[in-house]
């Protein structure tokens, strides 16, 4: 489970590095799963929307 944007970026970088290092020509069969804990980002964004304070921004909270 991934709990922060910096950790998500590190996971993506490691995944792409692994793909490059694999030397595979056909990546169509490569699969992966990375679970990102979205509610923490939602909480941060909702606070930013509240600071903006416009009706449009406030209507986006929780979406």
PDB file of N, CA and C in Angstrom:
ATOM      1  N   UNK A   1       0.850  -1.171   0.000  1.00  0.00           N
ATOM      2  CA  UNK A   1       0.000   0.000   0.000  1.00  0.00           C
ATOM      3  C   UNK A   1       0.898   1.238   0.000  1.00  0.00           C
ATOM      4  N   UNK A   2       0.581   2.190  -0.867  1.00  0.00           N
ATOM      5  CA  UNK A   2       1.362   3.419  -1.013  1.00  0.00           C
ATOM      6  C   UNK A   2       0.571   4.560  -0.377  1.00  0.00           C
ATOM      7  N   UNK A   3       1.217   5.309   0.523  1.00  0.00           N
ATOM      8  CA  UNK A   3       0.511   6.324   1.293  1.00  0.00           C
ATOM      9  C   UNK A   3       0.883   7.763   0.971  1.00  0.00           C
ATOM     10  N   UNK A   4       1.818   7.986   0.055  1.00  0.00           N
ATOM     11  CA  UNK A   4       2.198   9.370  -0.243  1.00  0.00           C
ATOM     12  C   UNK A   4       2.600   9.506  -1.709  1.00  0.00           C
ATOM     13  N   UNK A   5       2.502  10.719  -2.200  1.00  0.00           N
ATOM     14  CA  UNK A   5       2.878  10.985  -3.589  1.00  0.00           C
ATOM     15  C   UNK A   5       4.373  10.738  -3.813  1.00  0.00           C
ATOM     16  N   UNK A   6       5.261  11.177  -2.898  1.00  0.00           N
ATOM     17  CA  UNK A   6       6.684  10.872  -3.117  1.00  0.00           C
ATOM     18  C   UNK A   6       6.959   9.363  -3.177  1.00  0.00           C
ATOM     19  N   UNK A   7       6.285   8.586  -2.341  1.00  0.00           N
ATOM     20  CA  UNK A   7       6.479   7.134  -2.377  1.00  0.00           C
ATOM     21  C   UNK A   7       5.949   6.562  -3.689  1.00  0.00           C
ATOM     22  N   UNK A   8       4.810   7.081  -4.161  1.00  0.00           N
ATOM     23  CA  UNK A   8       4.256   6.639  -5.445  1.00  0.00           C
ATOM     24  C   UNK A   8       5.253   6.905  -6.569  1.00  0.00           C
ATOM     25  N   UNK A   9       5.852   8.096  -6.562  1.00  0.00           N
ATOM     26  CA  UNK A   9       6.850   8.425  -7.584  1.00  0.00           C
ATOM     27  C   UNK A   9       8.040   7.470  -7.518  1.00  0.00           C
ATOM     28  N   UNK A  10       8.467   7.121  -6.297  1.00  0.00           N
ATOM     29  CA  UNK A  10       9.588   6.186  -6.139  1.00  0.00           C
ATOM     30  C   UNK A  10       9.224   4.803  -6.662  1.00  0.00           C
ATOM     31  N   UNK A  11       7.995   4.377  -6.416  1.00  0.00           N
ATOM     32  CA  UNK A  11       7.534   3.069  -6.908  1.00  0.00           C
ATOM     33  C   UNK A  11       7.520   3.054  -8.429  1.00  0.00           C
ATOM     34  N   UNK A  12       6.996   4.109  -9.035  1.00  0.00           N
ATOM     35  CA  UNK A  12       6.950   4.188 -10.501  1.00  0.00           C
ATOM     36  C   UNK A  12       8.363   4.178 -11.080  1.00  0.00           C
ATOM     37  N   UNK A  13       9.262   4.952 -10.481  1.00  0.00           N
ATOM     38  CA  UNK A  13      10.652   4.974 -10.958  1.00  0.00           C
ATOM     39  C   UNK A  13      11.287   3.591 -10.871  1.00  0.00           C
ATOM     40  N   UNK A  14      11.067   2.901  -9.753  1.00  0.00           N
ATOM     41  CA  UNK A  14      11.640   1.560  -9.588  1.00  0.00           C
ATOM     42  C   UNK A  14      11.046   0.586 -10.601  1.00  0.00           C
ATOM     43  N   UNK A  15       9.757   0.697 -10.837  1.00  0.00           N
ATOM     44  CA  UNK A  15       9.090  -0.175 -11.808  1.00  0.00           C
ATOM     45  C   UNK A  15       9.665   0.043 -13.209  1.00  0.00           C
ATOM     46  N   UNK A  16       9.782   1.301 -13.601  1.00  0.00           N
ATOM     47  CA  UNK A  16      10.318   1.603 -14.933  1.00  0.00           C
ATOM     48  C   UNK A  16      11.781   1.192 -15.058  1.00  0.00           C
ATOM     49  N   UNK A  17      12.553   1.390 -13.988  1.00  0.00           N
ATOM     50  CA  UNK A  17      13.948   0.934 -13.994  1.00  0.00           C
ATOM     51  C   UNK A  17      14.015  -0.577 -14.179  1.00  0.00           C
ATOM     52  N   UNK A  18      13.116  -1.287 -13.507  1.00  0.00           N
ATOM     53  CA  UNK A  18      13.074  -2.739 -13.634  1.00  0.00           C
ATOM     54  C   UNK A  18      12.717  -3.186 -15.037  1.00  0.00           C
ATOM     55  N   UNK A  19      11.770  -2.492 -15.657  1.00  0.00           N
ATOM     56  CA  UNK A  19      11.403  -2.822 -17.039  1.00  0.00           C
ATOM     57  C   UNK A  19      12.585  -2.613 -17.978  1.00  0.00           C
ATOM     58  N   UNK A  20      13.279  -1.502 -17.797  1.00  0.00           N
ATOM     59  CA  UNK A  20      14.447  -1.230 -18.645  1.00  0.00           C
ATOM     60  C   UNK A  20      15.544  -2.272 -18.424  1.00  0.00           C
ATOM     61  N   UNK A  21      15.767  -2.645 -17.177  1.00  0.00           N
ATOM     62  CA  UNK A  21      16.822  -3.612 -16.855  1.00  0.00           C
ATOM     63  C   UNK A  21      16.481  -5.021 -17.327  1.00  0.00           C
ATOM     64  N   UNK A  22      15.186  -5.298 -17.489  1.00  0.00           N
ATOM     65  CA  UNK A  22      14.779  -6.648 -17.887  1.00  0.00           C
ATOM     66  C   UNK A  22      15.239  -6.993 -19.297  1.00  0.00           C
ATOM     67  N   UNK A  23      15.362  -5.977 -20.132  1.00  0.00           N
ATOM     68  CA  UNK A  23      15.776  -6.216 -21.512  1.00  0.00           C
ATOM     69  C   UNK A  23      14.709  -6.876 -22.362  1.00  0.00           C
ATOM     70  N   UNK A  24      13.495  -6.943 -21.858  1.00  0.00           N
ATOM     71  CA  UNK A  24      12.409  -7.563 -22.622  1.00  0.00           C
ATOM     72  C   UNK A  24      12.046  -6.706 -23.826  1.00  0.00           C
ATOM     73  N   UNK A  25      11.823  -7.359 -24.945  1.00  0.00           N
ATOM     74  CA  UNK A  25      11.372  -6.648 -26.140  1.00  0.00           C
ATOM     75  C   UNK A  25       9.865  -6.482 -26.145  1.00  0.00           C
ATOM     76  N   UNK A  26       9.156  -7.469 -25.597  1.00  0.00           N
ATOM     77  CA  UNK A  26       7.693  -7.461 -25.589  1.00  0.00           C
ATOM     78  C   UNK A  26       7.209  -7.262 -24.154  1.00  0.00           C
ATOM     79  N   UNK A  27       6.739  -6.067 -23.858  1.00  0.00           N
ATOM     80  CA  UNK A  27       6.263  -5.762 -22.508  1.00  0.00           C
ATOM     81  C   UNK A  27       4.764  -5.985 -22.346  1.00  0.00           C
ATOM     82  N   UNK A  28       4.110  -6.508 -23.368  1.00  0.00           N
ATOM     83  CA  UNK A  28       2.656  -6.656 -23.324  1.00  0.00           C
ATOM     84  C   UNK A  28       2.198  -7.671 -22.278  1.00  0.00           C
ATOM     85  N   UNK A  29       3.081  -8.543 -21.830  1.00  0.00           N
ATOM     86  CA  UNK A  29       2.694  -9.550 -20.839  1.00  0.00           C
ATOM     87  C   UNK A  29       3.140  -9.186 -19.423  1.00  0.00           C
ATOM     88  N   UNK A  30       3.771  -8.055 -19.277  1.00  0.00           N
ATOM     89  CA  UNK A  30       4.212  -7.610 -17.953  1.00  0.00           C
ATOM     90  C   UNK A  30       3.014  -7.030 -17.218  1.00  0.00           C
ATOM     91  N   UNK A  31       2.813  -7.471 -15.991  1.00  0.00           N
ATOM     92  CA  UNK A  31       1.710  -6.956 -15.175  1.00  0.00           C
ATOM     93  C   UNK A  31       2.257  -6.491 -13.830  1.00  0.00           C
ATOM     94  N   UNK A  32       1.509  -5.629 -13.189  1.00  0.00           N
ATOM     95  CA  UNK A  32       1.901  -5.172 -11.855  1.00  0.00           C
ATOM     96  C   UNK A  32       0.693  -4.570 -11.152  1.00  0.00           C
ATOM     97  N   UNK A  33       0.825  -4.431  -9.845  1.00  0.00           N
ATOM     98  CA  UNK A  33      -0.206  -3.782  -9.042  1.00  0.00           C
ATOM     99  C   UNK A  33       0.493  -2.889  -8.028  1.00  0.00           C
ATOM    100  N   UNK A  34       0.040  -1.664  -7.914  1.00  0.00           N
ATOM    101  CA  UNK A  34       0.514  -0.747  -6.880  1.00  0.00           C
ATOM    102  C   UNK A  34      -0.716  -0.065  -6.302  1.00  0.00           C
ATOM    103  N   UNK A  35      -1.014  -0.335  -5.047  1.00  0.00           N
ATOM    104  CA  UNK A  35      -2.213   0.216  -4.411  1.00  0.00           C
ATOM    105  C   UNK A  35      -1.893   1.562  -3.778  1.00  0.00           C
ATOM    106  N   UNK A  36      -2.532   2.595  -4.271  1.00  0.00           N
ATOM    107  CA  UNK A  36      -2.307   3.958  -3.793  1.00  0.00           C
ATOM    108  C   UNK A  36      -3.455   4.362  -2.885  1.00  0.00           C
ATOM    109  N   UNK A  37      -3.150   4.858  -1.696  1.00  0.00           N
ATOM    110  CA  UNK A  37      -4.139   5.244  -0.699  1.00  0.00           C
ATOM    111  C   UNK A  37      -4.658   6.639  -1.043  1.00  0.00           C
ATOM    112  N   UNK A  38      -5.687   6.703  -1.870  1.00  0.00           N
ATOM    113  CA  UNK A  38      -6.173   7.950  -2.456  1.00  0.00           C
ATOM    114  C   UNK A  38      -6.774   8.906  -1.426  1.00  0.00           C
ATOM    115  N   UNK A  39      -7.344   8.402  -0.359  1.00  0.00           N
ATOM    116  CA  UNK A  39      -8.042   9.286   0.582  1.00  0.00           C
ATOM    117  C   UNK A  39      -7.116  10.331   1.197  1.00  0.00           C
ATOM    118  N   UNK A  40      -5.835  10.025   1.344  1.00  0.00           N
ATOM    119  CA  UNK A  40      -4.910  11.028   1.899  1.00  0.00           C
ATOM    120  C   UNK A  40      -4.712  12.187   0.927  1.00  0.00           C
ATOM    121  N   UNK A  41      -4.634  11.887  -0.342  1.00  0.00           N
ATOM    122  CA  UNK A  41      -4.519  12.944  -1.348  1.00  0.00           C
ATOM    123  C   UNK A  41      -5.827  13.725  -1.407  1.00  0.00           C
ATOM    124  N   UNK A  42      -6.958  13.019  -1.328  1.00  0.00           N
ATOM    125  CA  UNK A  42      -8.259  13.685  -1.325  1.00  0.00           C
ATOM    126  C   UNK A  42      -8.355  14.701  -0.193  1.00  0.00           C
ATOM    127  N   UNK A  43      -7.877  14.334   0.976  1.00  0.00           N
ATOM    128  CA  UNK A  43      -7.922  15.232   2.130  1.00  0.00           C
ATOM    129  C   UNK A  43      -7.111  16.498   1.874  1.00  0.00           C
ATOM    130  N   UNK A  44      -5.938  16.348   1.298  1.00  0.00           N
ATOM    131  CA  UNK A  44      -5.084  17.506   0.984  1.00  0.00           C
ATOM    132  C   UNK A  44      -5.754  18.401  -0.051  1.00  0.00           C
ATOM    133  N   UNK A  45      -6.297  17.786  -1.093  1.00  0.00           N
ATOM    134  CA  UNK A  45      -6.954  18.553  -2.159  1.00  0.00           C
ATOM    135  C   UNK A  45      -8.187  19.265  -1.622  1.00  0.00           C
ATOM    136  N   UNK A  46      -8.980  18.586  -0.776  1.00  0.00           N
ATOM    137  CA  UNK A  46     -10.161  19.229  -0.205  1.00  0.00           C
ATOM    138  C   UNK A  46      -9.782  20.478   0.595  1.00  0.00           C
ATOM    139  N   UNK A  47      -8.686  20.422   1.342  1.00  0.00           N
ATOM    140  CA  UNK A  47      -8.227  21.598   2.094  1.00  0.00           C
ATOM    141  C   UNK A  47      -7.821  22.722   1.150  1.00  0.00           C
ATOM    142  N   UNK A  48      -7.181  22.373   0.045  1.00  0.00           N
ATOM    143  CA  UNK A  48      -6.797  23.383  -0.946  1.00  0.00           C
ATOM    144  C   UNK A  48      -8.038  24.016  -1.570  1.00  0.00           C
ATOM    145  N   UNK A  49      -9.038  23.199  -1.854  1.00  0.00           N
ATOM    146  CA  UNK A  49     -10.279  23.719  -2.430  1.00  0.00           C
ATOM    147  C   UNK A  49     -10.979  24.657  -1.451  1.00  0.00           C
ATOM    148  N   UNK A  50     -10.949  24.320  -0.163  1.00  0.00           N
ATOM    149  CA  UNK A  50     -11.552  25.192   0.845  1.00  0.00           C
ATOM    150  C   UNK A  50     -10.839  26.544   0.901  1.00  0.00           C
ATOM    151  N   UNK A  51      -9.521  26.534   0.767  1.00  0.00           N
ATOM    152  CA  UNK A  51      -8.765  27.794   0.766  1.00  0.00           C
ATOM    153  C   UNK A  51      -9.115  28.646  -0.445  1.00  0.00           C
ATOM    154  N   UNK A  52      -9.344  28.004  -1.593  1.00  0.00           N
ATOM    155  CA  UNK A  52      -9.749  28.750  -2.790  1.00  0.00           C
ATOM    156  C   UNK A  52     -11.088  29.414  -2.522  1.00  0.00           C
ATOM    157  N   UNK A  53     -12.028  28.642  -1.973  1.00  0.00           N
ATOM    158  CA  UNK A  53     -13.274  29.193  -1.471  1.00  0.00           C
ATOM    159  C   UNK A  53     -14.350  29.565  -2.465  1.00  0.00           C
ATOM    160  N   UNK A  54     -14.089  29.462  -3.755  1.00  0.00           N
ATOM    161  CA  UNK A  54     -15.129  29.805  -4.729  1.00  0.00           C
ATOM    162  C   UNK A  54     -16.207  28.725  -4.721  1.00  0.00           C
ATOM    163  N   UNK A  55     -17.420  29.067  -5.148  1.00  0.00           N
ATOM    164  CA  UNK A  55     -18.468  28.043  -5.215  1.00  0.00           C
ATOM    165  C   UNK A  55     -18.056  26.837  -6.063  1.00  0.00           C
ATOM    166  N   UNK A  56     -17.345  27.113  -7.151  1.00  0.00           N
ATOM    167  CA  UNK A  56     -16.902  26.018  -8.024  1.00  0.00           C
ATOM    168  C   UNK A  56     -15.918  25.095  -7.292  1.00  0.00           C
ATOM    169  N   UNK A  57     -14.972  25.703  -6.593  1.00  0.00           N
ATOM    170  CA  UNK A  57     -13.980  24.912  -5.855  1.00  0.00           C
ATOM    171  C   UNK A  57     -14.644  24.126  -4.731  1.00  0.00           C
ATOM    172  N   UNK A  58     -15.526  24.765  -3.998  1.00  0.00           N
ATOM    173  CA  UNK A  58     -16.197  24.089  -2.892  1.00  0.00           C
ATOM    174  C   UNK A  58     -17.068  22.938  -3.382  1.00  0.00           C
ATOM    175  N   UNK A  59     -17.631  23.072  -4.560  1.00  0.00           N
ATOM    176  CA  UNK A  59     -18.464  22.005  -5.127  1.00  0.00           C
ATOM    177  C   UNK A  59     -17.642  20.768  -5.485  1.00  0.00           C
ATOM    178  N   UNK A  60     -16.342  20.925  -5.635  1.00  0.00           N
ATOM    179  CA  UNK A  60     -15.472  19.797  -5.999  1.00  0.00           C
ATOM    180  C   UNK A  60     -14.998  18.986  -4.793  1.00  0.00           C
ATOM    181  N   UNK A  61     -15.205  19.500  -3.584  1.00  0.00           N
ATOM    182  CA  UNK A  61     -14.746  18.761  -2.400  1.00  0.00           C
ATOM    183  C   UNK A  61     -15.388  17.383  -2.345  1.00  0.00           C
ATOM    184  N   UNK A  62     -14.565  16.403  -2.009  1.00  0.00           N
ATOM    185  CA  UNK A  62     -15.069  15.040  -1.859  1.00  0.00           C
ATOM    186  C   UNK A  62     -15.348  14.304  -3.148  1.00  0.00           C
ATOM    187  N   UNK A  63     -14.960  14.868  -4.256  1.00  0.00           N
ATOM    188  CA  UNK A  63     -15.254  14.222  -5.546  1.00  0.00           C
ATOM    189  C   UNK A  63     -14.074  13.453  -6.041  1.00  0.00           C
TER     190      UNK A  63
END
